[in-house]
Amino acid sequence: MNIRAPAKINLYLRVLGRRKDGYHSIDTIILPVSLFDEIKLTQRRAVRNPELHVTCDHRLVPEGRKNLAYRAASLLMKEKQIDRAVHIHIRKKIPVGAGLGGGSSDAAAVLVGLNRLFRLGYTRKDLETIAADLGADVPFFIRGAPARARGIGERLTRIGGFPKIWLIILYPEIAVSTAWAYKNVRTKLTKPIVNTSITSPLKSCASLRKLLVNDLELVTVSRYPRIGSLKEQLIEHGAEAALMSGSGSAVFGLFNSRRKALEAYHRLRKGERSQTFLVHVLN
């Protein structure tokens, strides 16, 4: 079975404080975008003991037990006592350490894929509950639709009717540790808050631009100034607005038409020391 795992961007990200369990409470709007890892699931009946193997074609991604996709598969296989050997191969296209959710998306894709492959009968809600034990972004990727996430990311409210906005993502080939970014962020007592029910229309770049904020950006840019330079490049090439995604290091620019995004993409991809992706928001 082959399954695609999409990347995400954080249109809005507030860090509200550190919890007693070590996680941070957040309020974020997450959008899936058309940049995908490719996951291949193969299975055969185990001769003796069920075996699980995870491999990846990217040198920075751990294989085996250290991979989040392994943990995801292991949870389902143990709970359902699956007596088959399973091999999971990840073909990476989402940059590593970019704040684009690649590892979390891969884990969610494995949960969804194994549920289908072995006809386990889990509902999406069931899978989201399992995913919450794997990481903050993993529950979002079970459905992979625009959503607002609160708590540590497990409280999801879907945002319907989201427009097909075009974006350019720039990745400076700097891998940023999410744990490091959250450890160094300074939370404030008061925060501007998005409309609680997100009832305001999100139909254009102009309306989306008003939401763009990321509490982790100052932390990451202060250590990696080049991220700020990439934001400036996106604006100079016609983006309506630009922001760092998640804990970085990738940044994205919003464009109000595919034509403008495509023109900027051809110019920006000629730049040195950064990967350039032309994507759109998925619904």
Protein backbone atom coordinates (compact mmCIF):
# COMPACT_ATOMS: atom_id res chain seq x y z
CA MET A 1 0.00 0.00 0.00
CA ASN A 2 1.21 3.49 -0.88
CA ILE A 3 0.02 6.54 1.01
CA ARG A 4 0.99 10.20 0.85
CA ALA A 5 1.75 12.25 3.97
CA PRO A 6 1.27 16.03 3.50
CA ALA A 7 3.29 18.84 5.04
CA LYS A 8 1.66 21.63 7.06
CA ILE A 9 2.18 25.29 7.78
CA ASN A 10 1.11 27.21 10.88
CA LEU A 11 -0.84 30.25 9.80
CA TYR A 12 -1.14 31.37 13.41
CA LEU A 13 0.76 30.08 16.45
CA ARG A 14 0.52 31.33 20.01
CA VAL A 15 2.39 29.65 22.86
CA LEU A 16 0.20 30.19 25.93
CA GLY A 17 2.35 28.68 28.65
CA ARG A 18 4.17 25.62 29.93
CA ARG A 19 2.13 22.83 31.50
CA LYS A 20 3.04 20.68 34.49
CA ASP A 21 3.62 17.69 32.20
CA GLY A 22 6.32 19.61 30.32
CA TYR A 23 4.27 20.30 27.20
CA HIS A 24 3.22 23.79 26.15
CA SER A 25 -0.36 24.92 25.68
CA ILE A 26 -0.82 26.39 22.22
CA ASP A 27 -3.43 28.00 20.03
CA THR A 28 -2.70 27.51 16.34
CA ILE A 29 -4.26 27.37 12.91
CA ILE A 30 -2.75 24.55 10.85
CA LEU A 31 -3.09 24.15 7.10
CA PRO A 32 -2.09 21.04 5.12
CA VAL A 33 -0.25 21.83 1.90
CA SER A 34 0.55 19.97 -1.32
CA LEU A 35 4.06 18.81 -0.42
CA PHE A 36 4.16 15.11 0.43
CA ASP A 37 6.31 12.36 1.85
CA GLU A 38 5.56 8.98 0.30
CA ILE A 39 4.98 5.98 2.58
CA LYS A 40 5.07 2.40 1.33
CA LEU A 41 3.56 -0.29 3.56
CA THR A 42 4.21 -3.95 2.76
CA GLN A 43 3.26 -6.98 4.81
CA ARG A 44 3.68 -10.74 4.85
CA ARG A 45 2.75 -13.46 7.29
CA ALA A 46 5.47 -13.84 9.92
CA VAL A 47 7.12 -17.24 10.05
CA ARG A 48 7.89 -16.98 13.77
CA ASN A 49 7.46 -13.62 15.47
CA PRO A 50 5.83 -10.54 13.93
CA GLU A 51 8.52 -8.12 12.78
CA LEU A 52 8.36 -4.41 12.13
CA HIS A 53 10.93 -2.58 10.03
CA VAL A 54 11.07 1.14 9.22
CA THR A 55 13.50 2.54 6.66
CA CYS A 56 13.95 5.98 5.10
CA ASP A 57 15.90 7.39 2.17
CA HIS A 58 17.02 10.52 4.11
CA ARG A 59 20.25 10.36 6.08
CA LEU A 60 18.96 12.63 8.90
CA VAL A 61 15.86 10.54 9.58
CA PRO A 62 16.36 7.71 12.09
CA GLU A 63 15.32 4.23 11.08
CA GLY A 64 13.88 1.49 13.23
CA ARG A 65 12.64 2.10 16.77
CA LYS A 66 13.81 5.72 16.88
CA ASN A 67 11.42 6.71 14.11
CA LEU A 68 8.01 8.08 15.12
CA ALA A 69 6.40 6.01 12.37
CA TYR A 70 7.76 2.88 14.09
CA ARG A 71 6.12 3.91 17.37
CA ALA A 72 2.83 4.51 15.54
CA ALA A 73 2.88 1.11 13.86
CA SER A 74 3.97 -0.65 17.02
CA LEU A 75 1.00 0.74 18.96
CA LEU A 76 -1.53 -0.65 16.51
CA MET A 77 0.20 -3.98 15.96
CA LYS A 78 0.47 -4.71 19.69
CA GLU A 79 -3.09 -3.65 20.49
CA LYS A 80 -4.57 -5.71 17.64
CA GLN A 81 -2.04 -8.56 17.97
CA ILE A 82 -1.14 -8.43 14.29
CA ASP A 83 0.87 -11.54 13.45
CA ARG A 84 2.43 -10.24 10.27
CA ALA A 85 5.80 -8.82 9.32
CA VAL A 86 5.43 -5.19 8.26
CA HIS A 87 7.94 -3.08 6.37
CA ILE A 88 7.49 0.69 6.23
CA HIS A 89 9.61 2.72 3.83
CA ILE A 90 9.55 6.52 3.92
CA ARG A 91 10.55 8.51 0.86
CA LYS A 92 11.25 12.00 2.19
CA LYS A 93 10.25 15.06 0.23
CA ILE A 94 9.27 17.23 3.19
CA PRO A 95 12.42 18.90 4.56
CA VAL A 96 13.68 17.68 7.94
CA GLY A 97 13.69 20.06 10.92
CA ALA A 98 11.72 22.64 8.95
CA GLY A 99 8.61 23.14 11.09
CA LEU A 100 6.51 21.50 8.35
CA GLY A 101 5.44 18.47 10.37
CA GLY A 102 7.02 15.76 8.23
CA GLY A 103 7.69 13.27 11.01
CA SER A 104 4.24 13.73 12.54
CA SER A 105 2.58 13.40 9.15
CA ASP A 106 4.48 10.18 8.44
CA ALA A 107 3.32 8.72 11.77
CA ALA A 108 -0.30 9.67 11.08
CA ALA A 109 -0.09 8.19 7.58
CA VAL A 110 1.13 4.91 9.06
CA LEU A 111 -1.81 4.81 11.49
CA VAL A 112 -4.28 5.47 8.69
CA GLY A 113 -2.53 3.08 6.30
CA LEU A 114 -2.31 0.14 8.71
CA ASN A 115 -5.93 0.66 9.71
CA ARG A 116 -6.90 0.23 6.07
CA LEU A 117 -4.40 -2.51 5.27
CA PHE A 118 -5.50 -4.79 8.10
CA ARG A 119 -9.13 -3.59 8.22
CA LEU A 120 -8.85 -2.80 11.91
CA GLY A 121 -12.05 -0.79 12.05
CA TYR A 122 -10.74 2.28 13.86
CA THR A 123 -12.69 5.48 13.27
CA ARG A 124 -10.85 8.72 12.58
CA LYS A 125 -11.68 9.82 16.11
CA ASP A 126 -10.15 6.60 17.45
CA LEU A 127 -6.98 7.23 15.45
CA GLU A 128 -6.79 10.84 16.67
CA THR A 129 -6.90 9.57 20.27
CA ILE A 130 -4.06 7.14 19.56
CA ALA A 131 -2.14 9.84 17.69
CA ALA A 132 -2.26 12.18 20.71
CA ASP A 133 0.16 9.84 22.52
CA LEU A 134 2.69 10.20 19.70
CA GLY A 135 3.07 13.97 19.42
CA ALA A 136 1.29 17.31 19.31
CA ASP A 137 0.90 17.52 15.52
CA VAL A 138 0.03 13.88 14.84
CA PRO A 139 -3.74 14.09 15.56
CA PHE A 140 -4.09 16.92 13.03
CA PHE A 141 -2.67 14.79 10.22
CA ILE A 142 -5.22 11.97 10.71
CA ARG A 143 -7.79 14.06 8.82
CA GLY A 144 -5.32 16.44 7.19
CA ALA A 145 -7.80 19.30 6.78
CA PRO A 146 -7.49 22.98 7.83
CA ALA A 147 -8.07 23.18 11.56
CA ARG A 148 -7.56 25.17 14.71
CA ALA A 149 -5.63 23.22 17.35
CA ARG A 150 -5.55 23.98 21.06
CA GLY A 151 -4.34 22.27 24.23
CA ILE A 152 -1.09 20.62 23.13
CA GLY A 153 -2.54 20.23 19.65
CA GLU A 154 -5.06 17.48 20.35
CA ARG A 155 -8.17 19.71 20.59
CA LEU A 156 -9.05 20.16 16.94
CA THR A 157 -11.75 22.31 15.37
CA ARG A 158 -12.04 21.87 11.62
CA ILE A 159 -12.21 24.99 9.45
CA GLY A 160 -14.48 24.36 6.49
CA GLY A 161 -14.55 26.09 3.12
CA PHE A 162 -10.93 27.17 3.21
CA PRO A 163 -9.78 28.84 -0.04
CA LYS A 164 -7.17 27.30 -2.34
CA ILE A 165 -4.39 29.71 -1.42
CA TRP A 166 -1.03 29.40 -3.19
CA LEU A 167 2.19 29.56 -1.19
CA ILE A 168 5.92 29.42 -1.68
CA ILE A 169 7.92 27.64 1.00
CA LEU A 170 11.63 28.37 1.40
CA TYR A 171 13.79 25.99 3.40
CA PRO A 172 17.31 27.25 4.26
CA GLU A 173 18.60 23.72 4.93
CA ILE A 174 18.85 24.39 8.64
CA ALA A 175 17.36 21.72 10.91
CA VAL A 176 15.79 23.33 13.99
CA SER A 177 14.97 21.36 17.12
CA THR A 178 11.33 21.85 18.11
CA ALA A 179 12.19 21.05 21.75
CA TRP A 180 14.88 23.74 21.74
CA ALA A 181 12.52 26.37 20.31
CA TYR A 182 9.81 25.71 22.90
CA LYS A 183 12.35 25.61 25.71
CA ASN A 184 13.55 29.10 24.84
CA VAL A 185 10.26 30.82 24.01
CA ARG A 186 9.05 33.46 26.44
CA THR A 187 5.33 33.38 27.05
CA LYS A 188 3.36 36.47 28.05
CA LEU A 189 0.47 36.88 30.42
CA THR A 190 -1.84 38.32 27.78
CA LYS A 191 -2.18 37.46 24.11
CA PRO A 192 -4.22 38.77 21.22
CA ILE A 193 -6.82 36.04 20.67
CA VAL A 194 -8.37 34.93 17.40
CA ASN A 195 -12.17 34.90 17.32
CA THR A 196 -13.01 31.93 19.53
CA SER A 197 -15.15 30.18 16.92
CA ILE A 198 -13.22 31.47 13.92
CA THR A 199 -16.41 32.78 12.41
CA SER A 200 -14.71 35.60 10.54
CA PRO A 201 -14.40 34.72 6.84
CA LEU A 202 -11.03 33.36 5.73
CA LYS A 203 -11.54 33.73 2.00
CA SER A 204 -8.55 35.71 0.76
CA CYS A 205 -4.91 36.55 1.37
CA ALA A 206 -6.03 39.87 2.84
CA SER A 207 -8.11 38.17 5.54
CA LEU A 208 -5.43 35.56 6.22
CA ARG A 209 -2.71 38.19 6.49
CA LYS A 210 -4.36 39.60 9.61
CA LEU A 211 -3.86 36.29 11.39
CA LEU A 212 -0.17 35.77 10.70
CA VAL A 213 1.78 35.51 13.94
CA ASN A 214 4.22 32.97 15.37
CA ASP A 215 5.52 33.20 18.93
CA LEU A 216 8.42 30.89 18.10
CA GLU A 217 9.70 33.03 15.25
CA LEU A 218 11.62 35.53 17.39
CA VAL A 219 13.42 32.70 19.20
CA THR A 220 14.47 30.89 16.04
CA VAL A 221 15.31 33.96 13.93
CA SER A 222 17.51 35.37 16.70
CA ARG A 223 19.69 32.27 16.41
CA TYR A 224 19.33 31.84 12.64
CA PRO A 225 19.05 35.35 11.10
CA ARG A 226 18.91 33.93 7.59
CA ILE A 227 15.33 32.87 8.23
CA GLY A 228 14.40 36.54 8.53
CA SER A 229 16.20 37.25 5.27
CA LEU A 230 14.13 34.61 3.49
CA LYS A 231 10.94 36.26 4.73
CA GLU A 232 12.14 39.54 3.24
CA GLN A 233 12.88 37.81 -0.08
CA LEU A 234 9.34 36.46 -0.26
CA ILE A 235 7.88 39.93 0.28
CA GLU A 236 10.25 41.41 -2.31
CA HIS A 237 9.04 38.81 -4.83
CA GLY A 238 5.38 39.63 -4.40
CA ALA A 239 4.13 37.67 -1.39
CA GLU A 240 1.20 39.33 0.38
CA ALA A 241 2.73 38.26 3.70
CA ALA A 242 5.37 35.85 5.01
CA LEU A 243 5.90 33.89 8.21
CA MET A 244 8.02 31.12 9.68
CA SER A 245 6.16 27.82 10.08
CA GLY A 246 6.13 26.10 13.47
CA SER A 247 9.55 26.12 15.11
CA GLY A 248 11.25 26.70 11.74
CA SER A 249 13.38 26.84 9.78
CA ALA A 250 11.05 26.92 6.76
CA VAL A 251 9.20 30.13 5.92
CA PHE A 252 6.22 30.58 3.65
CA GLY A 253 4.76 33.41 1.62
CA LEU A 254 1.09 33.87 0.70
CA PHE A 255 0.18 34.77 -2.88
CA ASN A 256 -3.22 35.88 -4.14
CA SER A 257 -2.94 33.99 -7.44
CA ARG A 258 -1.21 30.96 -8.89
CA ARG A 259 0.29 33.11 -11.63
CA LYS A 260 2.04 35.44 -9.17
CA ALA A 261 3.22 32.50 -7.09
CA LEU A 262 4.58 30.72 -10.15
CA GLU A 263 6.46 33.81 -11.33
CA ALA A 264 8.02 34.25 -7.90
CA TYR A 265 8.83 30.56 -7.69
CA HIS A 266 10.88 30.64 -10.90
CA ARG A 267 12.86 33.62 -9.63
CA LEU A 268 13.38 32.39 -6.09
CA ARG A 269 14.44 28.86 -7.00
CA LYS A 270 17.55 30.33 -8.61
CA GLY A 271 18.75 31.48 -5.19
CA GLU A 272 21.52 29.66 -3.38
CA ARG A 273 21.41 27.54 -0.23
CA SER A 274 17.65 27.16 0.03
CA GLN A 275 15.05 24.75 -1.27
CA THR A 276 11.98 26.25 -2.91
CA PHE A 277 8.52 24.70 -3.08
CA LEU A 278 5.36 25.92 -4.81
CA VAL A 279 2.31 24.53 -2.99
CA HIS A 280 -1.34 25.20 -2.29
CA VAL A 281 -3.57 24.66 0.73
CA LEU A 282 -5.37 21.30 0.77
CA ASN A 283 -9.01 20.90 1.77
